[in-house]
């Protein structure tokens, strides 16, 4: 089970930063951004192998369930 920032979002945001820098912005002047999108990913195959039962209520809240 993993709960964290969307794995593709930082890559997209990095592209925006590179674009701003290439257009002349100073890196020191760019703000630090915090992630805004988080996702819950549950791997049921691994959970089963280690003997962990994930409640249905948690599965319903997951953004992605790996079977």
C-alpha atoms as a PDB file:
ATOM      1  CA  UNK A   1       0.000   0.000   0.000  1.00  0.00           C
ATOM      2  CA  UNK A   2       1.297   3.443  -0.889  1.00  0.00           C
ATOM      3  CA  UNK A   3      -0.048   6.926  -0.248  1.00  0.00           C
ATOM      4  CA  UNK A   4       1.861   9.768  -1.825  1.00  0.00           C
ATOM      5  CA  UNK A   5       2.054  12.346  -4.560  1.00  0.00           C
ATOM      6  CA  UNK A   6       0.910  11.410  -8.026  1.00  0.00           C
ATOM      7  CA  UNK A   7       3.989   9.868  -9.662  1.00  0.00           C
ATOM      8  CA  UNK A   8       3.669  11.810 -12.934  1.00  0.00           C
ATOM      9  CA  UNK A   9       2.810  15.210 -11.490  1.00  0.00           C
ATOM     10  CA  UNK A  10       6.387  16.152 -10.384  1.00  0.00           C
ATOM     11  CA  UNK A  11       7.653  15.370 -13.894  1.00  0.00           C
ATOM     12  CA  UNK A  12       5.059  17.674 -15.427  1.00  0.00           C
ATOM     13  CA  UNK A  13       5.887  20.415 -12.933  1.00  0.00           C
ATOM     14  CA  UNK A  14       9.614  20.027 -13.659  1.00  0.00           C
ATOM     15  CA  UNK A  15       8.919  20.693 -17.329  1.00  0.00           C
ATOM     16  CA  UNK A  16       7.204  23.952 -16.383  1.00  0.00           C
ATOM     17  CA  UNK A  17      10.242  24.967 -14.307  1.00  0.00           C
ATOM     18  CA  UNK A  18      12.639  24.143 -17.154  1.00  0.00           C
ATOM     19  CA  UNK A  19      10.518  26.225 -19.519  1.00  0.00           C
ATOM     20  CA  UNK A  20      10.623  29.219 -17.160  1.00  0.00           C
ATOM     21  CA  UNK A  21      14.389  28.918 -16.694  1.00  0.00           C
ATOM     22  CA  UNK A  22      15.003  28.654 -20.435  1.00  0.00           C
ATOM     23  CA  UNK A  23      12.922  31.809 -20.886  1.00  0.00           C
ATOM     24  CA  UNK A  24      15.247  33.674 -18.523  1.00  0.00           C
ATOM     25  CA  UNK A  25      13.843  33.233 -15.006  1.00  0.00           C
ATOM     26  CA  UNK A  26      16.389  32.849 -12.227  1.00  0.00           C
ATOM     27  CA  UNK A  27      16.063  29.456 -10.509  1.00  0.00           C
ATOM     28  CA  UNK A  28      16.477  31.124  -7.093  1.00  0.00           C
ATOM     29  CA  UNK A  29      13.406  33.277  -7.804  1.00  0.00           C
ATOM     30  CA  UNK A  30      11.109  30.335  -8.589  1.00  0.00           C
ATOM     31  CA  UNK A  31       8.864  29.218  -5.736  1.00  0.00           C
ATOM     32  CA  UNK A  32       9.072  25.782  -4.166  1.00  0.00           C
ATOM     33  CA  UNK A  33       5.854  23.914  -4.860  1.00  0.00           C
ATOM     34  CA  UNK A  34       4.259  21.254  -2.706  1.00  0.00           C
ATOM     35  CA  UNK A  35       2.361  18.348  -4.263  1.00  0.00           C
ATOM     36  CA  UNK A  36      -1.363  18.925  -4.561  1.00  0.00           C
ATOM     37  CA  UNK A  37      -2.484  15.547  -5.881  1.00  0.00           C
ATOM     38  CA  UNK A  38      -2.047  12.442  -3.754  1.00  0.00           C
ATOM     39  CA  UNK A  39      -3.082   8.901  -4.563  1.00  0.00           C
ATOM     40  CA  UNK A  40      -3.622   5.698  -2.630  1.00  0.00           C
ATOM     41  CA  UNK A  41      -2.378   2.571  -4.402  1.00  0.00           C
ATOM     42  CA  UNK A  42      -3.033  -0.903  -3.006  1.00  0.00           C
ATOM     43  CA  UNK A  43      -1.356  -4.075  -4.246  1.00  0.00           C
ATOM     44  CA  UNK A  44      -3.755  -6.918  -3.400  1.00  0.00           C
ATOM     45  CA  UNK A  45      -1.425  -9.622  -4.725  1.00  0.00           C
ATOM     46  CA  UNK A  46       1.333  -8.611  -2.301  1.00  0.00           C
ATOM     47  CA  UNK A  47      -1.137  -8.153   0.550  1.00  0.00           C
ATOM     48  CA  UNK A  48      -2.427 -11.690  -0.003  1.00  0.00           C
ATOM     49  CA  UNK A  49       1.095 -13.128  -0.107  1.00  0.00           C
ATOM     50  CA  UNK A  50       2.023 -11.607   3.255  1.00  0.00           C
ATOM     51  CA  UNK A  51      -1.335 -12.455   4.810  1.00  0.00           C
ATOM     52  CA  UNK A  52      -2.810  -8.950   5.096  1.00  0.00           C
ATOM     53  CA  UNK A  53      -6.520  -8.398   4.530  1.00  0.00           C
ATOM     54  CA  UNK A  54      -7.480  -4.968   3.216  1.00  0.00           C
ATOM     55  CA  UNK A  55     -10.976  -3.846   4.313  1.00  0.00           C
ATOM     56  CA  UNK A  56     -13.490  -3.083   1.565  1.00  0.00           C
ATOM     57  CA  UNK A  57     -13.892   0.479   2.851  1.00  0.00           C
ATOM     58  CA  UNK A  58     -10.184   1.113   2.177  1.00  0.00           C
ATOM     59  CA  UNK A  59     -10.364  -0.516  -1.257  1.00  0.00           C
ATOM     60  CA  UNK A  60     -13.232   1.791  -2.215  1.00  0.00           C
ATOM     61  CA  UNK A  61     -11.133   4.850  -1.327  1.00  0.00           C
ATOM     62  CA  UNK A  62      -8.080   3.681  -3.296  1.00  0.00           C
ATOM     63  CA  UNK A  63      -7.213   5.488  -6.507  1.00  0.00           C
ATOM     64  CA  UNK A  64      -5.614   2.351  -7.943  1.00  0.00           C
ATOM     65  CA  UNK A  65      -5.910  -1.312  -6.934  1.00  0.00           C
ATOM     66  CA  UNK A  66      -3.374  -3.773  -8.337  1.00  0.00           C
ATOM     67  CA  UNK A  67      -4.837  -7.277  -8.518  1.00  0.00           C
END
